[in-house]
Amino acid sequence: GALGATNNNYQRQAPIVPSALASPTP
């Protein structure tokens, strides 16, 4: 808001997380 970002230029997006993140990794 302080940067005056009222458009989508600074739209926070959810990180692209692989589906395998939910399980332990060998």
PDB file of all heavy atoms in Angstrom:
ATOM      1  N   GLY A   1       0.813  -1.210   0.000  1.00  0.00           N
ATOM      2  CA  GLY A   1       0.000   0.000   0.000  1.00  0.00           C
ATOM      3  C   GLY A   1       0.845   1.258   0.000  1.00  0.00           C
ATOM      4  O   GLY A   1       0.530   2.248  -0.669  1.00  0.00           O
ATOM      5  N   ALA A   2       1.965   1.232   0.746  1.00  0.00           N
ATOM      6  CA  ALA A   2       2.841   2.396   0.833  1.00  0.00           C
ATOM      7  C   ALA A   2       3.488   2.719  -0.504  1.00  0.00           C
ATOM      8  O   ALA A   2       3.795   3.873  -0.798  1.00  0.00           O
ATOM      9  CB  ALA A   2       3.926   2.155   1.890  1.00  0.00           C
ATOM     10  N   LEU A   3       3.684   1.677  -1.319  1.00  0.00           N
ATOM     11  CA  LEU A   3       4.273   1.885  -2.641  1.00  0.00           C
ATOM     12  C   LEU A   3       3.225   2.310  -3.660  1.00  0.00           C
ATOM     13  O   LEU A   3       3.537   2.508  -4.834  1.00  0.00           O
ATOM     14  CB  LEU A   3       4.968   0.600  -3.114  1.00  0.00           C
ATOM     15  CG  LEU A   3       6.267   0.245  -2.380  1.00  0.00           C
ATOM     16  CD1 LEU A   3       6.735  -1.145  -2.751  1.00  0.00           C
ATOM     17  CD2 LEU A   3       7.347   1.265  -2.686  1.00  0.00           C
ATOM     18  N   GLY A   4       1.978   2.397  -3.211  1.00  0.00           N
ATOM     19  CA  GLY A   4       0.913   2.812  -4.118  1.00  0.00           C
ATOM     20  C   GLY A   4       0.576   1.737  -5.117  1.00  0.00           C
ATOM     21  O   GLY A   4       0.134   2.024  -6.234  1.00  0.00           O
ATOM     22  N   ALA A   5       0.801   0.486  -4.711  1.00  0.00           N
ATOM     23  CA  ALA A   5       0.553  -0.634  -5.624  1.00  0.00           C
ATOM     24  C   ALA A   5      -0.906  -1.049  -5.551  1.00  0.00           C
ATOM     25  O   ALA A   5      -1.264  -2.010  -4.886  1.00  0.00           O
ATOM     26  CB  ALA A   5       1.461  -1.807  -5.266  1.00  0.00           C
ATOM     27  N   THR A   6      -1.764  -0.319  -6.221  1.00  0.00           N
ATOM     28  CA  THR A   6      -3.195  -0.631  -6.195  1.00  0.00           C
ATOM     29  C   THR A   6      -3.577  -1.587  -7.307  1.00  0.00           C
ATOM     30  O   THR A   6      -4.684  -2.098  -7.341  1.00  0.00           O
ATOM     31  CB  THR A   6      -4.016   0.656  -6.360  1.00  0.00           C
ATOM     32  OG1 THR A   6      -3.603   1.326  -7.565  1.00  0.00           O
ATOM     33  CG2 THR A   6      -3.787   1.579  -5.179  1.00  0.00           C
ATOM     34  N   ASN A   7      -2.631  -1.831  -8.235  1.00  0.00           N
ATOM     35  CA  ASN A   7      -2.942  -2.772  -9.323  1.00  0.00           C
ATOM     36  C   ASN A   7      -2.388  -4.143  -8.982  1.00  0.00           C
ATOM     37  O   ASN A   7      -2.018  -4.423  -7.862  1.00  0.00           O
ATOM     38  CB  ASN A   7      -2.368  -2.266 -10.650  1.00  0.00           C
ATOM     39  CG  ASN A   7      -0.891  -1.937 -10.520  1.00  0.00           C
ATOM     40  OD1 ASN A   7      -0.195  -2.553  -9.721  1.00  0.00           O
ATOM     41  ND2 ASN A   7      -0.427  -0.977 -11.295  1.00  0.00           N
ATOM     42  N   ASN A   8      -2.261  -4.984  -9.979  1.00  0.00           N
ATOM     43  CA  ASN A   8      -1.813  -6.363  -9.749  1.00  0.00           C
ATOM     44  C   ASN A   8      -0.299  -6.512  -9.821  1.00  0.00           C
ATOM     45  O   ASN A   8       0.217  -7.614  -9.739  1.00  0.00           O
ATOM     46  CB  ASN A   8      -2.458  -7.305 -10.779  1.00  0.00           C
ATOM     47  CG  ASN A   8      -3.943  -7.470 -10.535  1.00  0.00           C
ATOM     48  OD1 ASN A   8      -4.382  -7.417  -9.395  1.00  0.00           O
ATOM     49  ND2 ASN A   8      -4.700  -7.647 -11.609  1.00  0.00           N
ATOM     50  N   ASN A   9       0.416  -5.365  -9.995  1.00  0.00           N
ATOM     51  CA  ASN A   9       1.864  -5.466 -10.126  1.00  0.00           C
ATOM     52  C   ASN A   9       2.527  -6.068  -8.893  1.00  0.00           C
ATOM     53  O   ASN A   9       3.545  -6.718  -8.976  1.00  0.00           O
ATOM     54  CB  ASN A   9       2.470  -4.079 -10.388  1.00  0.00           C
ATOM     55  CG  ASN A   9       2.215  -3.618 -11.809  1.00  0.00           C
ATOM     56  OD1 ASN A   9       1.804  -4.409 -12.643  1.00  0.00           O
ATOM     57  ND2 ASN A   9       2.438  -2.344 -12.064  1.00  0.00           N
ATOM     58  N   TYR A  10       1.911  -5.798  -7.724  1.00  0.00           N
ATOM     59  CA  TYR A  10       2.486  -6.306  -6.482  1.00  0.00           C
ATOM     60  C   TYR A  10       1.562  -7.326  -5.831  1.00  0.00           C
ATOM     61  O   TYR A  10       1.560  -7.479  -4.630  1.00  0.00           O
ATOM     62  CB  TYR A  10       2.732  -5.147  -5.508  1.00  0.00           C
ATOM     63  CG  TYR A  10       3.709  -4.137  -6.036  1.00  0.00           C
ATOM     64  CD1 TYR A  10       3.250  -2.976  -6.638  1.00  0.00           C
ATOM     65  CD2 TYR A  10       5.072  -4.358  -5.945  1.00  0.00           C
ATOM     66  CE1 TYR A  10       4.149  -2.037  -7.128  1.00  0.00           C
ATOM     67  CE2 TYR A  10       5.973  -3.423  -6.426  1.00  0.00           C
ATOM     68  CZ  TYR A  10       5.503  -2.264  -7.016  1.00  0.00           C
ATOM     69  OH  TYR A  10       6.388  -1.346  -7.487  1.00  0.00           O
ATOM     70  N   GLN A  11       0.761  -7.989  -6.625  1.00  0.00           N
ATOM     71  CA  GLN A  11      -0.183  -8.974  -6.098  1.00  0.00           C
ATOM     72  C   GLN A  11       0.568 -10.143  -5.503  1.00  0.00           C
ATOM     73  O   GLN A  11       1.376 -10.784  -6.180  1.00  0.00           O
ATOM     74  CB  GLN A  11      -1.099  -9.480  -7.222  1.00  0.00           C
ATOM     75  CG  GLN A  11      -2.161 -10.468  -6.765  1.00  0.00           C
ATOM     76  CD  GLN A  11      -3.183  -9.813  -5.862  1.00  0.00           C
ATOM     77  OE1 GLN A  11      -3.544  -8.662  -6.059  1.00  0.00           O
ATOM     78  NE2 GLN A  11      -3.641 -10.550  -4.879  1.00  0.00           N
ATOM     79  N   ARG A  12       0.342 -10.392  -4.229  1.00  0.00           N
ATOM     80  CA  ARG A  12       1.006 -11.537  -3.614  1.00  0.00           C
ATOM     81  C   ARG A  12       0.392 -12.814  -4.148  1.00  0.00           C
ATOM     82  O   ARG A  12      -0.798 -12.997  -4.172  1.00  0.00           O
ATOM     83  CB  ARG A  12       0.860 -11.513  -2.096  1.00  0.00           C
ATOM     84  CG  ARG A  12       1.474 -12.756  -1.444  1.00  0.00           C
ATOM     85  CD  ARG A  12       1.203 -12.795   0.024  1.00  0.00           C
ATOM     86  NE  ARG A  12       1.984 -11.794   0.711  1.00  0.00           N
ATOM     87  CZ  ARG A  12       1.839 -11.555   2.012  1.00  0.00           C
ATOM     88  NH1 ARG A  12       0.973 -12.217   2.704  1.00  0.00           N
ATOM     89  NH2 ARG A  12       2.568 -10.640   2.599  1.00  0.00           N
ATOM     90  N   GLN A  13       1.259 -13.701  -4.567  1.00  0.00           N
ATOM     91  CA  GLN A  13       0.803 -14.978  -5.097  1.00  0.00           C
ATOM     92  C   GLN A  13       1.289 -16.090  -4.190  1.00  0.00           C
ATOM     93  O   GLN A  13       2.362 -16.003  -3.606  1.00  0.00           O
ATOM     94  CB  GLN A  13       1.352 -15.199  -6.511  1.00  0.00           C
ATOM     95  CG  GLN A  13       0.912 -14.106  -7.486  1.00  0.00           C
ATOM     96  CD  GLN A  13       1.587 -14.260  -8.832  1.00  0.00           C
ATOM     97  OE1 GLN A  13       2.443 -15.104  -9.004  1.00  0.00           O
ATOM     98  NE2 GLN A  13       1.193 -13.432  -9.775  1.00  0.00           N
ATOM     99  N   ALA A  14       0.490 -17.126  -4.097  1.00  0.00           N
ATOM    100  CA  ALA A  14       0.895 -18.272  -3.278  1.00  0.00           C
ATOM    101  C   ALA A  14       2.074 -18.949  -3.948  1.00  0.00           C
ATOM    102  O   ALA A  14       2.126 -19.055  -5.167  1.00  0.00           O
ATOM    103  CB  ALA A  14      -0.268 -19.260  -3.166  1.00  0.00           C
ATOM    104  N   PRO A  15       3.070 -19.364  -3.186  1.00  0.00           N
ATOM    105  CA  PRO A  15       4.224 -20.036  -3.758  1.00  0.00           C
ATOM    106  C   PRO A  15       3.812 -21.273  -4.527  1.00  0.00           C
ATOM    107  O   PRO A  15       2.870 -21.970  -4.140  1.00  0.00           O
ATOM    108  CB  PRO A  15       5.068 -20.418  -2.532  1.00  0.00           C
ATOM    109  CG  PRO A  15       4.609 -19.484  -1.470  1.00  0.00           C
ATOM    110  CD  PRO A  15       3.162 -19.242  -1.740  1.00  0.00           C
ATOM    111  N   ILE A  16       4.505 -21.548  -5.623  1.00  0.00           N
ATOM    112  CA  ILE A  16       4.228 -22.740  -6.407  1.00  0.00           C
ATOM    113  C   ILE A  16       4.939 -23.889  -5.729  1.00  0.00           C
ATOM    114  O   ILE A  16       6.155 -24.047  -5.846  1.00  0.00           O
ATOM    115  CB  ILE A  16       4.740 -22.576  -7.847  1.00  0.00           C
ATOM    116  CG1 ILE A  16       4.081 -21.353  -8.483  1.00  0.00           C
ATOM    117  CG2 ILE A  16       4.462 -23.819  -8.665  1.00  0.00           C
ATOM    118  CD1 ILE A  16       4.632 -21.002  -9.844  1.00  0.00           C
ATOM    119  N   VAL A  17       4.197 -24.659  -4.986  1.00  0.00           N
ATOM    120  CA  VAL A  17       4.783 -25.735  -4.200  1.00  0.00           C
ATOM    121  C   VAL A  17       4.421 -27.088  -4.802  1.00  0.00           C
ATOM    122  O   VAL A  17       3.251 -27.381  -5.012  1.00  0.00           O
ATOM    123  CB  VAL A  17       4.259 -25.690  -2.742  1.00  0.00           C
ATOM    124  CG1 VAL A  17       4.912 -26.773  -1.923  1.00  0.00           C
ATOM    125  CG2 VAL A  17       4.532 -24.330  -2.142  1.00  0.00           C
ATOM    126  N   PRO A  18       5.417 -27.920  -5.129  1.00  0.00           N
ATOM    127  CA  PRO A  18       5.135 -29.238  -5.681  1.00  0.00           C
ATOM    128  C   PRO A  18       4.261 -30.051  -4.750  1.00  0.00           C
ATOM    129  O   PRO A  18       4.337 -29.921  -3.536  1.00  0.00           O
ATOM    130  CB  PRO A  18       6.543 -29.867  -5.800  1.00  0.00           C
ATOM    131  CG  PRO A  18       7.479 -28.702  -5.841  1.00  0.00           C
ATOM    132  CD  PRO A  18       6.843 -27.647  -4.994  1.00  0.00           C
ATOM    133  N   SER A  19       3.430 -30.921  -5.328  1.00  0.00           N
ATOM    134  CA  SER A  19       2.512 -31.726  -4.518  1.00  0.00           C
ATOM    135  C   SER A  19       3.252 -32.646  -3.567  1.00  0.00           C
ATOM    136  O   SER A  19       2.740 -33.034  -2.534  1.00  0.00           O
ATOM    137  CB  SER A  19       1.616 -32.568  -5.438  1.00  0.00           C
ATOM    138  OG  SER A  19       2.407 -33.401  -6.271  1.00  0.00           O
ATOM    139  N   ALA A  20       4.482 -32.981  -3.907  1.00  0.00           N
ATOM    140  CA  ALA A  20       5.256 -33.900  -3.067  1.00  0.00           C
ATOM    141  C   ALA A  20       5.700 -33.263  -1.761  1.00  0.00           C
ATOM    142  O   ALA A  20       6.239 -33.925  -0.889  1.00  0.00           O
ATOM    143  CB  ALA A  20       6.498 -34.388  -3.836  1.00  0.00           C
ATOM    144  N   LEU A  21       5.465 -31.961  -1.606  1.00  0.00           N
ATOM    145  CA  LEU A  21       5.918 -31.287  -0.391  1.00  0.00           C
ATOM    146  C   LEU A  21       5.234 -31.807   0.849  1.00  0.00           C
ATOM    147  O   LEU A  21       5.743 -31.676   1.949  1.00  0.00           O
ATOM    148  CB  LEU A  21       5.650 -29.782  -0.494  1.00  0.00           C
ATOM    149  CG  LEU A  21       6.473 -29.029  -1.539  1.00  0.00           C
ATOM    150  CD1 LEU A  21       6.103 -27.563  -1.496  1.00  0.00           C
ATOM    151  CD2 LEU A  21       7.954 -29.184  -1.301  1.00  0.00           C
ATOM    152  N   ALA A  22       4.058 -32.378   0.692  1.00  0.00           N
ATOM    153  CA  ALA A  22       3.292 -32.807   1.854  1.00  0.00           C
ATOM    154  C   ALA A  22       3.861 -34.068   2.481  1.00  0.00           C
ATOM    155  O   ALA A  22       3.499 -34.434   3.586  1.00  0.00           O
ATOM    156  CB  ALA A  22       1.835 -33.054   1.455  1.00  0.00           C
ATOM    157  N   SER A  23       4.755 -34.761   1.784  1.00  0.00           N
ATOM    158  CA  SER A  23       5.274 -36.019   2.303  1.00  0.00           C
ATOM    159  C   SER A  23       6.771 -35.933   2.542  1.00  0.00           C
ATOM    160  O   SER A  23       7.471 -35.142   1.919  1.00  0.00           O
ATOM    161  CB  SER A  23       4.990 -37.155   1.313  1.00  0.00           C
ATOM    162  OG  SER A  23       5.575 -36.857   0.062  1.00  0.00           O
ATOM    163  N   PRO A  24       7.308 -36.770   3.450  1.00  0.00           N
ATOM    164  CA  PRO A  24       8.734 -36.776   3.731  1.00  0.00           C
ATOM    165  C   PRO A  24       9.519 -37.133   2.484  1.00  0.00           C
ATOM    166  O   PRO A  24       9.038 -37.859   1.623  1.00  0.00           O
ATOM    167  CB  PRO A  24       8.879 -37.870   4.803  1.00  0.00           C
ATOM    168  CG  PRO A  24       7.526 -37.971   5.410  1.00  0.00           C
ATOM    169  CD  PRO A  24       6.564 -37.692   4.295  1.00  0.00           C
ATOM    170  N   THR A  25      10.742 -36.635   2.379  1.00  0.00           N
ATOM    171  CA  THR A  25      11.569 -36.866   1.215  1.00  0.00           C
ATOM    172  C   THR A  25      12.715 -37.804   1.536  1.00  0.00           C
ATOM    173  O   THR A  25      13.454 -37.572   2.486  1.00  0.00           O
ATOM    174  CB  THR A  25      12.162 -35.528   0.725  1.00  0.00           C
ATOM    175  OG1 THR A  25      11.093 -34.619   0.534  1.00  0.00           O
ATOM    176  CG2 THR A  25      12.916 -35.712  -0.569  1.00  0.00           C
ATOM    177  N   PRO A  26      12.914 -38.869   0.744  1.00  0.00           N
ATOM    178  CA  PRO A  26      14.029 -39.775   0.968  1.00  0.00           C
ATOM    179  C   PRO A  26      15.349 -39.037   0.794  1.00  0.00           C
ATOM    180  O   PRO A  26      15.462 -38.133  -0.023  1.00  0.00           O
ATOM    181  CB  PRO A  26      13.840 -40.841  -0.129  1.00  0.00           C
ATOM    182  CG  PRO A  26      12.408 -40.733  -0.538  1.00  0.00           C
ATOM    183  CD  PRO A  26      12.056 -39.292  -0.359  1.00  0.00           C
TER     184      PRO A  26
END
